[in-house]
Amino acid sequence: MDYPAKIILFGEYGILLNSNALAIPYLRFSGRFRFPDSLKRHYSQHESESNSAMTKLNHYFKDHSEDFEFLDIQQFESDLALGMYFDSSIPSGSGLGSSGALSAAIYDRYAVNGALKDLPTIKSNLAAIESCFHGVSSGIDPFISWIRKPVLFRNMKDPDTTVDLSPFFNTYTLFLINSHSPGNTGALVNYFMEKYQESGFRELIDLEYIPVINQTINALLASDFTTFEILLTSYSKLQLAHFRPMIPEKMIEHFNYGIESGYFYLKICGSGGGGYILGISRDRSKAENYFNLNQLDYTVVEQRI
């Protein structure tokens, strides 16, 4: 089974502090478990590296077995001994959830019967697995990859899988712009959480950023696109002003141009710092003309609704 990438439309970082979040699966990239061809004498570098990385992960599971009672760790170890690897097209450090897809695959294959209960429990278990990769995890990435449909998260615990995003995708075009530089989720999440301990930044997040996240999502779901666009402008401005470590330097001028022109709006994708930047535009032709003129490497996100 394939486990797709994810795109967080709104709620990055805020979800760690109980904001809402809205995310979709991105089927262009995905990963799945495979076993090496038994007739081959040598494994490829990718197969060996993936198997080695998961073997280290399994050691962690065993050392903290009380936290992973919902997994059949012994079966995971047995499959790894047979050379199992994760064959993924999701670029690492891209903001598209490469570790989330692997976490979803592990959970789907190795969760014991009692672990597949209600959605909040599943999300919590998935977050526990992904936290092994880069510290604090909201569980959004693996949950989206596991459930393979758009999800609205009303705070950290309550996933709603019944959201209708067709009015949004019928009105706006979503772009992924490749910054061609890798991000570092663990370091950036740690930076954000440490920065949040400062009273001034905490006040900004609690009183400005999180309300904008929640209001933007509410306007989108209500198809109130006049309000949505005003909020989207504020969203992009807040990130440009206060999330600079999460925005590749070469993308700053494009953030500014989008805000000033209104042709498109940019925001970080996932944890940011590199990888992809998310673009949202109501005028696809004007956005694409600008991207092409500035030789930006972009892809239109075609969403299956």
Protein backbone atom coordinates (compact mmCIF):
# COMPACT_ATOMS: atom_id res chain seq x y z
CA MET A 1 0.00 0.00 0.00
CA ASP A 2 1.20 3.52 -0.82
CA TYR A 3 1.37 6.23 1.85
CA PRO A 4 1.14 9.72 0.34
CA ALA A 5 2.87 12.96 1.20
CA LYS A 6 0.88 15.67 2.95
CA ILE A 7 0.42 19.42 2.66
CA ILE A 8 -0.58 21.47 5.70
CA LEU A 9 -2.69 24.24 4.21
CA PHE A 10 -2.92 26.15 7.50
CA GLY A 11 -1.81 25.52 11.06
CA GLU A 12 1.93 24.83 10.88
CA TYR A 13 3.56 25.35 14.26
CA GLY A 14 0.31 26.66 15.72
CA ILE A 15 -1.05 23.12 15.98
CA LEU A 16 1.72 22.36 18.49
CA LEU A 17 -0.01 24.88 20.74
CA ASN A 18 -3.59 23.71 20.07
CA SER A 19 -4.55 25.89 17.13
CA ASN A 20 -6.72 24.41 14.41
CA ALA A 21 -5.08 22.96 11.31
CA LEU A 22 -6.20 21.95 7.84
CA ALA A 23 -4.21 19.42 5.82
CA ILE A 24 -4.55 17.34 2.65
CA PRO A 25 -2.81 14.27 1.22
CA TYR A 26 -0.56 14.93 -1.77
CA LEU A 27 -0.62 11.90 -4.04
CA ARG A 28 2.20 12.96 -6.34
CA PHE A 29 4.72 11.65 -3.80
CA SER A 30 4.37 8.50 -1.71
CA GLY A 31 6.21 5.61 -0.12
CA ARG A 32 5.67 1.91 0.57
CA PHE A 33 7.40 -1.05 2.18
CA ARG A 34 9.27 -3.38 -0.12
CA PHE A 35 11.47 -6.42 0.25
CA PRO A 36 14.62 -6.78 -1.84
CA ASP A 37 14.72 -9.16 -4.77
CA SER A 38 16.01 -12.45 -3.36
CA LEU A 39 17.88 -13.11 -6.62
CA LYS A 40 20.05 -10.01 -6.24
CA ARG A 41 23.44 -10.48 -4.65
CA HIS A 42 23.76 -6.89 -3.52
CA TYR A 43 21.24 -4.41 -2.21
CA SER A 44 21.16 -0.90 -3.59
CA GLN A 45 22.47 1.96 -1.46
CA HIS A 46 18.92 3.26 -1.00
CA GLU A 47 17.65 -0.15 0.15
CA SER A 48 20.54 -0.60 2.58
CA GLU A 49 20.28 2.92 4.03
CA SER A 50 16.53 2.65 4.51
CA ASN A 51 16.80 -0.75 6.17
CA SER A 52 19.62 0.48 8.42
CA ALA A 53 17.66 3.57 9.47
CA MET A 54 14.58 1.49 10.34
CA THR A 55 16.74 -0.98 12.24
CA LYS A 56 17.94 1.89 14.43
CA LEU A 57 14.32 2.96 14.85
CA ASN A 58 13.41 -0.56 15.94
CA HIS A 59 16.15 -0.46 18.57
CA TYR A 60 14.54 2.71 19.89
CA PHE A 61 11.14 0.99 20.00
CA LYS A 62 12.64 -1.88 21.96
CA ASP A 63 14.45 0.42 24.39
CA HIS A 64 11.19 2.31 25.02
CA SER A 65 8.81 -0.60 24.63
CA GLU A 66 6.44 0.74 27.30
CA ASP A 67 5.66 3.68 24.96
CA PHE A 68 5.05 1.46 21.94
CA GLU A 69 2.91 -1.34 23.26
CA PHE A 70 0.54 -0.67 20.37
CA LEU A 71 3.16 -2.02 17.90
CA ASP A 72 4.24 -5.56 17.11
CA ILE A 73 7.92 -4.75 17.50
CA GLN A 74 9.00 -8.36 17.11
CA GLN A 75 7.37 -8.68 13.69
CA PHE A 76 8.91 -5.37 12.63
CA GLU A 77 12.33 -6.71 13.62
CA SER A 78 11.73 -9.96 11.72
CA ASP A 79 10.80 -8.12 8.53
CA LEU A 80 13.84 -5.89 8.82
CA ALA A 81 16.02 -8.99 9.12
CA LEU A 82 14.62 -10.01 5.72
CA GLY A 83 15.87 -6.74 4.26
CA MET A 84 12.62 -4.77 4.24
CA TYR A 85 13.04 -1.12 3.25
CA PHE A 86 10.82 1.91 2.67
CA ASP A 87 10.74 2.93 -0.98
CA SER A 88 9.74 6.59 -0.97
CA SER A 89 9.56 9.32 -3.58
CA ILE A 90 8.85 11.99 -0.92
CA PRO A 91 11.91 14.26 -0.79
CA SER A 92 13.44 14.48 2.68
CA GLY A 93 13.40 17.92 4.29
CA SER A 94 10.78 19.16 1.84
CA GLY A 95 7.94 19.92 4.25
CA LEU A 96 5.80 17.23 2.62
CA GLY A 97 5.92 14.69 5.42
CA SER A 98 8.52 12.06 4.48
CA SER A 99 8.82 10.85 8.08
CA GLY A 100 5.04 11.01 8.43
CA ALA A 101 4.54 8.61 5.53
CA LEU A 102 6.98 6.13 7.06
CA SER A 103 5.29 6.46 10.46
CA ALA A 104 1.91 5.79 8.85
CA ALA A 105 3.26 2.73 7.05
CA ILE A 106 4.75 1.33 10.27
CA TYR A 107 1.51 1.88 12.16
CA ASP A 108 -0.67 0.40 9.44
CA ARG A 109 1.44 -2.75 9.16
CA TYR A 110 2.46 -3.33 12.78
CA ALA A 111 -0.28 -1.91 15.01
CA VAL A 112 -1.74 -4.61 17.21
CA ASN A 113 -5.50 -5.09 17.01
CA GLY A 114 -6.34 -3.02 20.06
CA ALA A 115 -4.44 -0.01 18.73
CA LEU A 116 -6.81 0.65 15.83
CA LYS A 117 -9.50 2.30 17.94
CA ASP A 118 -10.86 5.83 17.60
CA LEU A 119 -9.25 8.51 15.43
CA PRO A 120 -7.81 10.60 18.31
CA THR A 121 -6.04 7.51 19.69
CA ILE A 122 -4.69 6.62 16.26
CA LYS A 123 -3.40 10.17 15.82
CA SER A 124 -1.74 10.04 19.24
CA ASN A 125 -0.02 6.75 18.43
CA LEU A 126 1.16 8.08 15.08
CA ALA A 127 2.57 11.16 16.81
CA ALA A 128 4.51 8.90 19.18
CA ILE A 129 6.14 7.11 16.25
CA GLU A 130 6.99 10.30 14.35
CA SER A 131 8.44 11.92 17.47
CA CYS A 132 11.31 9.41 17.13
CA PHE A 133 12.43 11.25 13.99
CA HIS A 134 12.45 14.91 15.00
CA GLY A 135 11.26 15.44 18.55
CA VAL A 136 7.85 16.97 19.16
CA SER A 137 5.23 15.79 16.64
CA SER A 138 1.65 16.95 16.26
CA GLY A 139 0.78 13.68 14.52
CA ILE A 140 -0.76 15.53 11.58
CA ASP A 141 1.67 14.30 8.92
CA PRO A 142 1.35 10.56 9.60
CA PHE A 143 -2.39 10.85 10.22
CA ILE A 144 -2.99 12.45 6.82
CA SER A 145 -0.80 9.82 5.15
CA TRP A 146 -2.62 7.05 7.03
CA ILE A 147 -6.19 8.23 6.36
CA ARG A 148 -5.51 9.61 2.83
CA LYS A 149 -8.15 12.35 2.87
CA PRO A 150 -8.40 16.05 3.84
CA VAL A 151 -8.68 16.57 7.58
CA LEU A 152 -9.64 19.48 9.79
CA PHE A 153 -8.02 19.37 13.22
CA ARG A 154 -9.91 21.28 15.89
CA ASN A 155 -6.91 21.49 18.25
CA MET A 156 -4.49 18.62 18.72
CA LYS A 157 -7.03 15.92 19.52
CA ASP A 158 -10.09 16.12 17.29
CA PRO A 159 -9.64 15.18 13.62
CA ASP A 160 -12.65 15.79 11.37
CA THR A 161 -12.51 13.91 8.06
CA THR A 162 -15.76 15.25 6.57
CA VAL A 163 -14.49 18.63 5.31
CA ASP A 164 -15.45 19.72 1.80
CA LEU A 165 -12.63 21.65 0.10
CA SER A 166 -14.14 21.71 -3.39
CA PRO A 167 -15.21 25.40 -3.19
CA PHE A 168 -11.64 26.35 -2.23
CA PHE A 169 -10.03 24.37 -5.04
CA ASN A 170 -12.60 25.66 -7.51
CA THR A 171 -11.61 29.23 -6.59
CA TYR A 172 -7.88 29.07 -5.84
CA THR A 173 -4.82 27.44 -7.32
CA LEU A 174 -2.32 25.85 -4.97
CA PHE A 175 1.38 25.89 -5.87
CA LEU A 176 4.42 24.17 -4.44
CA ILE A 177 7.59 26.18 -5.07
CA ASN A 178 10.83 24.26 -4.68
CA SER A 179 13.47 26.28 -2.81
CA HIS A 180 16.11 23.65 -3.67
CA SER A 181 17.45 23.75 -0.13
CA PRO A 182 16.67 21.17 2.58
CA GLY A 183 14.83 21.99 5.79
CA ASN A 184 15.57 20.62 9.25
CA THR A 185 12.32 19.89 11.05
CA GLY A 186 13.79 18.89 14.41
CA ALA A 187 15.99 21.97 14.72
CA LEU A 188 13.23 24.35 13.66
CA VAL A 189 10.60 22.83 15.95
CA ASN A 190 13.06 23.10 18.84
CA TYR A 191 13.80 26.72 17.87
CA PHE A 192 10.10 27.55 17.79
CA MET A 193 9.34 25.93 21.14
CA GLU A 194 12.33 27.65 22.77
CA LYS A 195 11.35 30.98 21.24
CA TYR A 196 7.83 30.47 22.59
CA GLN A 197 9.24 30.64 26.11
CA GLU A 198 10.01 34.33 25.52
CA SER A 199 7.06 36.40 26.71
CA GLY A 200 6.96 38.74 23.70
CA PHE A 201 6.98 35.92 21.14
CA ARG A 202 4.49 33.89 23.18
CA GLU A 203 2.10 36.84 23.22
CA LEU A 204 2.48 37.25 19.46
CA ILE A 205 1.70 33.58 18.84
CA ASP A 206 -1.19 33.36 21.30
CA LEU A 207 -2.86 36.68 20.49
CA GLU A 208 -2.10 37.11 16.77
CA TYR A 209 -0.81 34.03 14.97
CA ILE A 210 -3.14 31.35 16.37
CA PRO A 211 -6.28 33.52 15.97
CA VAL A 212 -5.31 34.20 12.33
CA ILE A 213 -4.85 30.46 11.73
CA ASN A 214 -8.28 29.65 13.17
CA GLN A 215 -10.06 32.51 11.43
CA THR A 216 -8.44 31.72 8.07
CA ILE A 217 -9.56 28.10 8.26
CA ASN A 218 -13.07 29.09 9.31
CA ALA A 219 -13.38 31.56 6.41
CA LEU A 220 -12.12 28.96 3.93
CA LEU A 221 -14.58 26.32 5.13
CA ALA A 222 -17.42 28.85 5.01
CA SER A 223 -16.39 29.78 1.44
CA ASP A 224 -16.17 33.40 2.61
CA PHE A 225 -13.30 34.15 0.25
CA THR A 226 -13.40 37.93 0.70
CA THR A 227 -12.60 37.50 4.40
CA PHE A 228 -10.31 34.58 3.61
CA GLU A 229 -8.12 36.70 1.35
CA ILE A 230 -7.78 39.46 3.97
CA LEU A 231 -6.74 36.87 6.53
CA LEU A 232 -4.41 35.16 4.07
CA THR A 233 -2.59 38.47 3.62
CA SER A 234 -2.16 38.72 7.40
CA TYR A 235 -1.01 35.10 7.56
CA SER A 236 1.75 35.68 5.00
CA LYS A 237 2.79 38.97 6.65
CA LEU A 238 3.04 37.35 10.09
CA GLN A 239 5.26 34.57 8.78
CA LEU A 240 7.44 37.00 6.86
CA ALA A 241 7.91 39.17 9.93
CA HIS A 242 8.30 36.55 12.64
CA PHE A 243 9.23 33.21 11.03
CA ARG A 244 12.38 34.26 9.16
CA PRO A 245 14.43 31.14 10.12
CA MET A 246 11.67 29.08 8.47
CA ILE A 247 11.81 31.02 5.17
CA PRO A 248 14.74 30.47 2.78
CA GLU A 249 16.47 33.80 2.21
CA LYS A 250 15.99 33.70 -1.56
CA MET A 251 12.21 33.46 -1.09
CA ILE A 252 11.87 36.68 0.94
CA GLU A 253 11.48 38.96 -2.08
CA HIS A 254 8.77 36.68 -3.49
CA PHE A 255 6.86 36.71 -0.19
CA ASN A 256 6.96 40.51 -0.34
CA TYR A 257 5.90 40.72 -3.97
CA GLY A 258 2.94 38.42 -3.41
CA ILE A 259 1.70 40.52 -0.49
CA GLU A 260 2.18 43.81 -2.34
CA SER A 261 0.67 42.71 -5.66
CA GLY A 262 -2.11 40.44 -4.37
CA TYR A 263 -1.40 38.07 -7.29
CA PHE A 264 -0.52 35.26 -4.88
CA TYR A 265 0.35 34.67 -1.24
CA LEU A 266 3.22 32.55 0.05
CA LYS A 267 3.56 30.65 3.32
CA ILE A 268 5.88 28.04 4.72
CA CYS A 269 5.11 24.41 3.98
CA GLY A 270 5.41 22.19 7.04
CA SER A 271 8.29 23.23 9.26
CA GLY A 272 9.91 25.30 6.51
CA GLY A 273 13.56 26.27 6.50
CA GLY A 274 13.91 24.88 2.99
CA GLY A 275 12.07 22.35 0.89
CA TYR A 276 8.86 23.69 -0.59
CA ILE A 277 7.04 26.98 -0.15
CA LEU A 278 3.26 26.96 -0.50
CA GLY A 279 1.67 29.47 -2.88
CA ILE A 280 -2.05 30.29 -3.04
CA SER A 281 -3.54 32.36 -5.85
CA ARG A 282 -6.95 33.39 -7.12
CA ASP A 283 -5.39 34.43 -10.43
CA ARG A 284 -3.39 31.49 -11.72
CA SER A 285 -2.14 33.19 -14.88
CA LYS A 286 -0.68 36.20 -13.05
CA ALA A 287 0.97 33.95 -10.47
CA GLU A 288 2.46 31.68 -13.12
CA ASN A 289 3.69 34.62 -15.18
CA TYR A 290 5.58 35.91 -12.15
CA PHE A 291 6.97 32.48 -11.24
CA ASN A 292 8.13 31.89 -14.81
CA LEU A 293 9.65 35.37 -15.14
CA ASN A 294 11.63 34.78 -11.94
CA GLN A 295 12.56 31.23 -12.91
CA LEU A 296 10.93 29.67 -9.87
CA ASP A 297 10.58 25.90 -9.90
CA TYR A 298 6.90 25.37 -9.16
CA THR A 299 4.24 22.69 -9.42
CA VAL A 300 0.48 23.12 -9.45
CA VAL A 301 -1.18 20.93 -6.82
CA GLU A 302 -3.95 19.01 -8.52
CA GLN A 303 -6.28 17.93 -5.72
CA ARG A 304 -8.65 15.01 -6.17
CA ILE A 305 -11.80 16.14 -4.42
